[in-house]
Amino acid sequence: MHLSAEVSDGRLTLRLHGDWRASELPAIRAELDRVSLEGVREVAVDAAGAPRIDLSGAWLLREYLDAAAGGARRVAFVGVPPAQLALIDRTREEATAAPPAPAAGDGVESPVVAVGRAVVSQSRGMRDGLDFLGRVTVQAARAFGSARRLRITSVARYVYDTGITAIPIVSLIAFLISVIIAYMSAQQLLNFGAEVYVVDLVTIGVLRELGVLLTAIIVAGRSGSAFAAEIGAMKLNEEVDALNATGVEPIEVLVLPRVLGLMIALPLLTIIADGVGLAGGALLCKWLLDMPIIQYFARVDDAISATTFWAGLVKAPVFAILIATAGTYRGLQVRGSSRELGRLTTVAVVQAIFLVILADALFAVLFMEIDF
């Protein structure tokens, strides 16, 4: 059974079930023919029970709804319409749309109009972003109920791409930053005979803030841009539309594996950055302050508290979610030209870095309030 119909007070509620694919079209058409529209003033379609809808099934549904609407009936969806139906509607609108009329006047946009356009554009962007987050959350909840839908192989691939291959650059940056911090603090603390506190500055700075923050910024520039470019190229080649046409949810295939892979890779990169950063501080203290390595690590043990390491590590999964969602969201927005691909890839990186720094500031306030 592919559908169930219920009529109440002139309202027909049509609930879809099972797979609406090309191989099932004869059976689906026969079931639709048995649904009577006599006395029906409104048709409500609930597609939540049909997780697999391809382009053929969506086209048959659109034909049926158009025929139902032809009798002065109102047609609406319960919840979100299938993505394949939206693809059909968008294609039909583009095919029948008239060319835009030339703008009146001298072509100079007034400041009020410019501000209005910017406000409307930003509000639409926020709405679309929240819609994307909601869809990712729903797909993640569905995927965790089935090991097959988690796509472990794809997740492992992105752990390798975003984590293993990033170890050299992350280690180098962590080493150099810790050396810089140790050198600058040593130059000042030597004037007061308090050079032993160089270890405290390096340890707390690297473990709580700089290790995870610099790693996230590097990953945002490296992997966030890759996510946006990969998915954007798929949009230009109409591969995402092909996934929709075959009844495959693009978020489940393209977004979730990248988010989960980065959520695993970034905490591991943070741990590596912390270790390399402490090692860099040890080498500079040995060279500049003639401090024995054993004394350095003994001071490290005294400087850290029970929460110092975890205060940095708990940020990593949150940063990973922000970076991955920014990259994939902007990639799915690409359409029209390669120039748009380059622009949105740049936007993805900038937004990912901004969100990471904003989240780090919020974490700092939160940790201060709860004394973590």
Protein backbone atom coordinates (compact mmCIF):
# COMPACT_ATOMS: atom_id res chain seq x y z
CA MET A 1 0.00 0.00 0.00
CA HIS A 2 1.38 3.37 -1.06
CA LEU A 3 -1.27 5.72 0.32
CA SER A 4 -4.22 6.01 2.65
CA ALA A 5 -7.12 8.45 2.27
CA GLU A 6 -9.41 9.89 4.92
CA VAL A 7 -12.29 12.30 4.20
CA SER A 8 -13.74 14.50 6.94
CA ASP A 9 -15.95 17.60 6.50
CA GLY A 10 -14.94 18.06 2.89
CA ARG A 11 -11.22 17.67 3.65
CA LEU A 12 -9.32 14.79 2.08
CA THR A 13 -6.16 13.82 3.98
CA LEU A 14 -3.85 11.83 1.75
CA ARG A 15 -1.03 10.04 3.60
CA LEU A 16 1.80 8.60 1.53
CA HIS A 17 3.50 5.33 2.48
CA GLY A 18 6.40 3.25 1.26
CA ASP A 19 8.51 3.90 -1.84
CA TRP A 20 7.20 6.17 -4.57
CA ARG A 21 9.59 5.08 -7.29
CA ALA A 22 9.37 4.40 -11.02
CA SER A 23 8.99 0.64 -10.52
CA GLU A 24 5.90 1.23 -8.34
CA LEU A 25 4.09 3.67 -10.65
CA PRO A 26 1.38 1.26 -11.94
CA ALA A 27 0.38 0.27 -8.41
CA ILE A 28 0.48 3.89 -7.18
CA ARG A 29 -1.62 5.10 -10.14
CA ALA A 30 -4.20 2.40 -9.48
CA GLU A 31 -4.46 3.43 -5.82
CA LEU A 32 -4.83 7.10 -6.76
CA ASP A 33 -7.59 6.26 -9.23
CA ARG A 34 -9.55 4.66 -6.39
CA VAL A 35 -9.49 7.86 -4.33
CA SER A 36 -12.72 9.77 -4.94
CA LEU A 37 -12.65 13.57 -4.98
CA GLU A 38 -16.45 13.96 -4.96
CA GLY A 39 -17.52 16.51 -2.36
CA VAL A 40 -13.92 17.33 -1.46
CA ARG A 41 -13.10 21.02 -1.04
CA GLU A 42 -9.56 20.69 0.35
CA VAL A 43 -6.77 18.15 -0.18
CA ALA A 44 -4.04 17.81 2.46
CA VAL A 45 -1.00 15.66 1.64
CA ASP A 46 1.20 14.14 4.35
CA ALA A 47 4.42 12.81 2.78
CA ALA A 48 6.22 11.99 6.04
CA GLY A 49 5.49 8.26 5.66
CA ALA A 50 7.18 8.00 2.26
CA PRO A 51 10.93 8.34 2.84
CA ARG A 52 11.87 7.29 -0.70
CA ILE A 53 10.37 9.39 -3.50
CA ASP A 54 12.08 9.65 -6.87
CA LEU A 55 11.37 12.06 -9.70
CA SER A 56 8.84 9.75 -11.37
CA GLY A 57 6.84 9.35 -8.17
CA ALA A 58 6.94 13.09 -7.51
CA TRP A 59 5.77 13.83 -11.08
CA LEU A 60 2.81 11.47 -10.69
CA LEU A 61 1.92 13.16 -7.39
CA ARG A 62 2.15 16.62 -9.02
CA GLU A 63 -0.17 15.52 -11.85
CA TYR A 64 -2.70 14.23 -9.35
CA LEU A 65 -2.58 17.40 -7.24
CA ASP A 66 -2.90 19.61 -10.34
CA ALA A 67 -5.99 17.63 -11.36
CA ALA A 68 -7.40 17.97 -7.84
CA ALA A 69 -6.76 21.71 -7.81
CA GLY A 70 -8.52 22.06 -11.16
CA GLY A 71 -11.88 21.50 -9.46
CA ALA A 72 -11.54 24.65 -7.34
CA ARG A 73 -10.11 22.64 -4.49
CA ARG A 74 -7.39 23.91 -2.20
CA VAL A 75 -4.24 21.77 -2.04
CA ALA A 76 -1.78 21.95 0.84
CA PHE A 77 0.93 19.84 2.46
CA VAL A 78 1.15 18.71 6.05
CA GLY A 79 4.73 19.54 6.92
CA VAL A 80 7.46 19.98 4.31
CA PRO A 81 6.75 18.93 0.70
CA PRO A 82 9.13 16.36 -0.82
CA ALA A 83 12.31 17.85 -2.24
CA GLN A 84 11.65 16.14 -5.58
CA LEU A 85 8.31 17.94 -5.87
CA ALA A 86 10.00 21.26 -5.14
CA LEU A 87 12.51 20.49 -7.92
CA ILE A 88 9.68 19.89 -10.38
CA ASP A 89 7.86 23.07 -9.36
CA ARG A 90 11.03 25.15 -9.60
CA THR A 91 11.80 23.78 -13.06
CA ARG A 92 8.28 24.54 -14.29
CA GLU A 93 8.43 28.07 -12.89
CA GLU A 94 11.77 28.75 -14.57
CA ALA A 95 10.46 27.41 -17.87
CA THR A 96 7.36 29.63 -17.85
CA ALA A 97 8.81 32.73 -16.16
CA ALA A 98 8.76 35.94 -18.18
CA PRO A 99 11.99 37.94 -18.53
CA PRO A 100 12.32 40.71 -15.92
CA ALA A 101 11.02 44.09 -16.92
CA PRO A 102 13.59 46.89 -17.24
CA ALA A 103 13.89 49.06 -14.16
CA ALA A 104 12.20 52.43 -14.26
CA GLY A 105 14.03 55.69 -13.71
CA ASP A 106 17.70 56.38 -14.14
CA GLY A 107 18.81 53.03 -12.63
CA VAL A 108 20.16 54.61 -9.44
CA GLU A 109 18.84 52.79 -6.37
CA SER A 110 17.73 55.04 -3.54
CA PRO A 111 19.35 54.50 -0.12
CA VAL A 112 16.01 53.52 1.39
CA VAL A 113 15.47 50.83 -1.26
CA ALA A 114 19.04 49.57 -0.77
CA VAL A 115 18.54 49.28 3.00
CA GLY A 116 15.22 47.52 2.49
CA ARG A 117 16.74 45.03 0.09
CA ALA A 118 19.60 44.32 2.53
CA VAL A 119 17.19 43.75 5.44
CA VAL A 120 14.99 41.41 3.39
CA SER A 121 18.04 39.53 2.11
CA GLN A 122 19.45 39.08 5.63
CA SER A 123 16.11 37.92 7.02
CA ARG A 124 15.74 35.38 4.22
CA GLY A 125 19.30 34.22 4.85
CA MET A 126 18.58 33.65 8.55
CA ARG A 127 15.37 31.79 7.72
CA ASP A 128 17.12 29.57 5.18
CA GLY A 129 19.96 28.91 7.63
CA LEU A 130 17.56 27.84 10.37
CA ASP A 131 15.69 25.68 7.88
CA PHE A 132 18.96 23.98 6.91
CA LEU A 133 19.91 23.35 10.55
CA GLY A 134 16.48 21.86 11.20
CA ARG A 135 16.75 19.52 8.22
CA VAL A 136 20.25 18.42 9.25
CA THR A 137 19.00 17.73 12.79
CA VAL A 138 16.06 15.67 11.54
CA GLN A 139 18.25 13.66 9.16
CA ALA A 140 20.81 13.07 11.92
CA ALA A 141 18.10 11.74 14.23
CA ARG A 142 16.90 9.37 11.49
CA ALA A 143 20.44 8.27 10.60
CA PHE A 144 21.34 7.33 14.17
CA GLY A 145 18.49 4.84 14.09
CA SER A 146 20.14 2.85 11.29
CA ALA A 147 23.82 1.94 10.88
CA ARG A 148 23.39 1.81 7.10
CA ARG A 149 22.18 5.40 6.93
CA LEU A 150 25.15 6.60 8.99
CA ARG A 151 27.42 5.70 6.05
CA ILE A 152 30.42 4.68 8.16
CA THR A 153 32.68 4.38 5.11
CA SER A 154 32.06 8.00 4.12
CA VAL A 155 32.55 9.18 7.70
CA ALA A 156 35.90 7.36 7.87
CA ARG A 157 36.95 8.96 4.60
CA TYR A 158 36.27 12.46 5.93
CA VAL A 159 38.06 11.67 9.19
CA TYR A 160 41.10 10.92 7.03
CA ASP A 161 40.65 13.94 4.73
CA THR A 162 40.01 16.49 7.48
CA GLY A 163 42.07 14.95 10.29
CA ILE A 164 44.96 12.69 9.29
CA THR A 165 46.08 14.83 6.35
CA ALA A 166 45.90 17.99 8.48
CA ILE A 167 48.30 16.76 11.18
CA PRO A 168 51.50 18.28 9.65
CA ILE A 169 50.15 21.83 9.25
CA VAL A 170 48.34 21.77 12.61
CA SER A 171 51.47 20.52 14.39
CA LEU A 172 53.66 23.15 12.74
CA ILE A 173 51.32 26.02 13.62
CA ALA A 174 50.91 24.80 17.23
CA PHE A 175 54.68 24.51 17.64
CA LEU A 176 55.38 27.99 16.25
CA ILE A 177 52.63 29.68 18.26
CA SER A 178 53.79 28.10 21.52
CA VAL A 179 57.36 29.19 20.79
CA ILE A 180 56.18 32.74 20.11
CA ILE A 181 54.15 32.85 23.34
CA ALA A 182 57.05 31.47 25.37
CA TYR A 183 59.53 33.89 23.83
CA MET A 184 57.38 37.00 24.33
CA SER A 185 56.43 36.13 27.91
CA ALA A 186 60.04 35.22 28.79
CA GLN A 187 61.29 38.60 27.58
CA GLN A 188 58.94 40.37 29.99
CA LEU A 189 59.06 38.02 32.98
CA LEU A 190 62.87 37.94 33.06
CA ASN A 191 62.77 41.60 34.15
CA PHE A 192 60.97 40.52 37.34
CA GLY A 193 62.78 37.27 37.97
CA ALA A 194 59.54 35.34 37.38
CA GLU A 195 60.60 33.33 34.35
CA VAL A 196 59.14 30.15 35.86
CA TYR A 197 55.69 31.52 35.08
CA VAL A 198 56.46 31.25 31.37
CA VAL A 199 55.47 27.60 31.74
CA ASP A 200 52.12 28.59 33.24
CA LEU A 201 51.37 30.98 30.39
CA VAL A 202 52.25 28.46 27.71
CA THR A 203 50.41 25.59 29.39
CA ILE A 204 47.15 27.39 30.15
CA GLY A 205 47.15 29.38 26.92
CA VAL A 206 47.67 26.34 24.71
CA LEU A 207 45.41 23.89 26.55
CA ARG A 208 42.46 26.20 27.20
CA GLU A 209 42.41 28.47 24.16
CA LEU A 210 45.05 28.52 21.47
CA GLY A 211 45.33 24.80 20.77
CA VAL A 212 41.68 24.30 19.85
CA LEU A 213 41.12 27.80 18.43
CA LEU A 214 44.06 27.78 16.01
CA THR A 215 43.30 24.22 14.99
CA ALA A 216 39.68 25.15 14.25
CA ILE A 217 40.74 28.19 12.20
CA ILE A 218 43.15 26.08 10.15
CA VAL A 219 40.49 23.42 9.59
CA ALA A 220 37.95 26.10 8.64
CA GLY A 221 40.25 27.43 5.93
CA ARG A 222 41.27 23.96 4.80
CA SER A 223 38.22 21.72 5.14
CA GLY A 224 35.41 24.29 5.25
CA SER A 225 36.44 25.60 1.84
CA ALA A 226 36.79 22.05 0.52
CA PHE A 227 33.26 21.17 1.65
CA ALA A 228 31.80 24.23 -0.04
CA ALA A 229 33.77 23.70 -3.25
CA GLU A 230 32.99 19.97 -3.51
CA ILE A 231 29.25 20.33 -2.97
CA GLY A 232 29.14 23.52 -5.05
CA ALA A 233 30.72 21.71 -8.01
CA MET A 234 28.13 18.95 -7.61
CA LYS A 235 25.38 21.59 -7.72
CA LEU A 236 26.79 23.07 -10.92
CA ASN A 237 26.97 19.61 -12.49
CA GLU A 238 23.37 18.91 -11.35
CA GLU A 239 24.51 15.90 -9.33
CA VAL A 240 22.52 17.09 -6.30
CA ASP A 241 19.39 17.31 -8.45
CA ALA A 242 20.14 13.78 -9.63
CA LEU A 243 20.20 12.59 -6.02
CA ASN A 244 16.80 14.21 -5.45
CA ALA A 245 15.48 12.66 -8.64
CA THR A 246 16.44 9.15 -7.49
CA GLY A 247 14.84 9.62 -4.07
CA VAL A 248 18.09 10.04 -2.13
CA GLU A 249 18.22 12.78 0.51
CA PRO A 250 21.28 15.00 -0.26
CA ILE A 251 21.69 16.02 3.38
CA GLU A 252 22.01 12.38 4.43
CA VAL A 253 24.62 11.68 1.72
CA LEU A 254 26.55 14.95 1.46
CA VAL A 255 26.20 16.76 4.77
CA LEU A 256 26.00 14.25 7.62
CA PRO A 257 29.18 12.28 6.75
CA ARG A 258 31.17 15.51 6.60
CA VAL A 259 29.75 16.79 9.90
CA LEU A 260 30.34 13.50 11.72
CA GLY A 261 33.81 13.06 10.22
CA LEU A 262 34.89 16.53 11.32
CA MET A 263 33.37 16.04 14.78
CA ILE A 264 35.68 13.06 15.20
CA ALA A 265 38.75 14.58 13.55
CA LEU A 266 38.83 18.02 15.23
CA PRO A 267 39.08 16.78 18.86
CA LEU A 268 41.90 14.44 17.82
CA LEU A 269 43.71 17.29 16.05
CA THR A 270 43.24 19.43 19.17
CA ILE A 271 44.93 16.80 21.34
CA ILE A 272 47.86 16.65 18.90
CA ALA A 273 48.10 20.46 18.84
CA ASP A 274 48.12 20.56 22.64
CA GLY A 275 50.95 18.04 22.85
CA VAL A 276 53.04 19.71 20.16
CA GLY A 277 52.42 23.13 21.74
CA LEU A 278 53.67 21.98 25.13
CA ALA A 279 56.70 20.41 23.46
CA GLY A 280 57.47 23.68 21.68
CA GLY A 281 57.29 25.58 24.96
CA ALA A 282 59.62 23.04 26.55
CA LEU A 283 62.23 23.46 23.81
CA LEU A 284 62.22 27.25 24.04
CA CYS A 285 62.41 27.21 27.86
CA LYS A 286 65.37 24.84 27.59
CA TRP A 287 67.12 27.04 25.04
CA LEU A 288 66.25 30.51 26.35
CA LEU A 289 65.89 29.98 30.11
CA ASP A 290 68.16 26.94 30.51
CA MET A 291 65.28 25.18 32.25
CA PRO A 292 65.59 21.37 32.46
CA ILE A 293 62.87 19.44 30.64
CA ILE A 294 61.99 17.56 33.84
CA GLN A 295 61.48 20.83 35.71
CA TYR A 296 59.38 22.18 32.83
CA PHE A 297 56.92 19.28 32.88
CA ALA A 298 56.81 19.29 36.67
CA ARG A 299 55.73 22.94 36.47
CA VAL A 300 53.21 22.01 33.78
CA ASP A 301 51.69 19.49 36.16
CA ASP A 302 51.45 22.18 38.87
CA ALA A 303 49.98 24.80 36.51
CA ILE A 304 47.05 22.83 35.17
CA SER A 305 43.88 22.05 37.07
CA ALA A 306 41.42 19.22 36.58
CA THR A 307 39.48 21.22 33.98
CA THR A 308 42.28 22.94 32.04
CA PHE A 309 42.59 20.28 29.37
CA TRP A 310 38.85 19.58 29.11
CA ALA A 311 38.00 23.29 28.84
CA GLY A 312 39.72 23.30 25.48
CA LEU A 313 38.67 19.87 24.28
CA VAL A 314 34.91 20.30 24.82
CA LYS A 315 34.94 23.18 22.34
CA ALA A 316 36.25 21.04 19.49
CA PRO A 317 33.01 19.19 18.57
CA VAL A 318 31.04 22.46 18.63
CA PHE A 319 33.61 24.15 16.39
CA ALA A 320 33.49 21.14 14.07
CA ILE A 321 29.71 21.40 13.71
CA LEU A 322 29.95 25.12 12.92
CA ILE A 323 32.68 24.65 10.31
CA ALA A 324 31.03 21.68 8.59
CA THR A 325 27.55 23.20 8.47
CA ALA A 326 28.85 26.53 7.16
CA GLY A 327 30.78 24.82 4.37
CA THR A 328 28.03 22.42 3.33
CA TYR A 329 25.29 25.05 3.58
CA ARG A 330 27.11 27.46 1.29
CA GLY A 331 27.99 24.65 -1.08
CA LEU A 332 24.32 23.72 -1.47
CA GLN A 333 23.53 27.37 -2.29
CA VAL A 334 25.75 27.40 -5.39
CA ARG A 335 23.94 27.77 -8.68
CA GLY A 336 24.44 29.44 -12.01
CA SER A 337 28.17 29.84 -12.57
CA SER A 338 31.68 29.05 -11.38
CA ARG A 339 31.98 32.65 -10.20
CA GLU A 340 29.20 31.96 -7.69
CA LEU A 341 31.12 28.87 -6.59
CA GLY A 342 34.20 30.94 -5.79
CA ARG A 343 32.19 33.62 -4.00
CA LEU A 344 30.28 31.20 -1.78
CA THR A 345 33.43 29.22 -0.99
CA THR A 346 34.98 32.44 0.31
CA VAL A 347 31.80 33.23 2.25
CA ALA A 348 31.87 29.75 3.81
CA VAL A 349 35.42 30.19 5.11
CA VAL A 350 34.79 33.68 6.46
CA GLN A 351 31.57 32.64 8.18
CA ALA A 352 33.14 29.51 9.64
CA ILE A 353 36.03 31.47 11.16
CA PHE A 354 33.65 34.13 12.49
CA LEU A 355 31.36 31.52 14.06
CA VAL A 356 34.33 29.73 15.65
CA ILE A 357 35.64 32.92 17.25
CA LEU A 358 32.14 33.93 18.37
CA ALA A 359 31.57 30.50 19.92
CA ASP A 360 34.95 30.67 21.64
CA ALA A 361 34.00 34.03 23.18
CA LEU A 362 30.69 32.59 24.39
CA PHE A 363 32.54 29.60 25.87
CA ALA A 364 34.87 31.98 27.70
CA VAL A 365 31.93 33.80 29.28
CA LEU A 366 30.21 30.51 30.14
CA PHE A 367 33.33 29.02 31.73
CA MET A 368 33.84 32.17 33.76
CA GLU A 369 30.28 32.07 35.04
CA ILE A 370 30.42 28.39 36.05
CA ASP A 371 34.06 28.61 37.22
CA PHE A 372 35.17 25.84 34.90
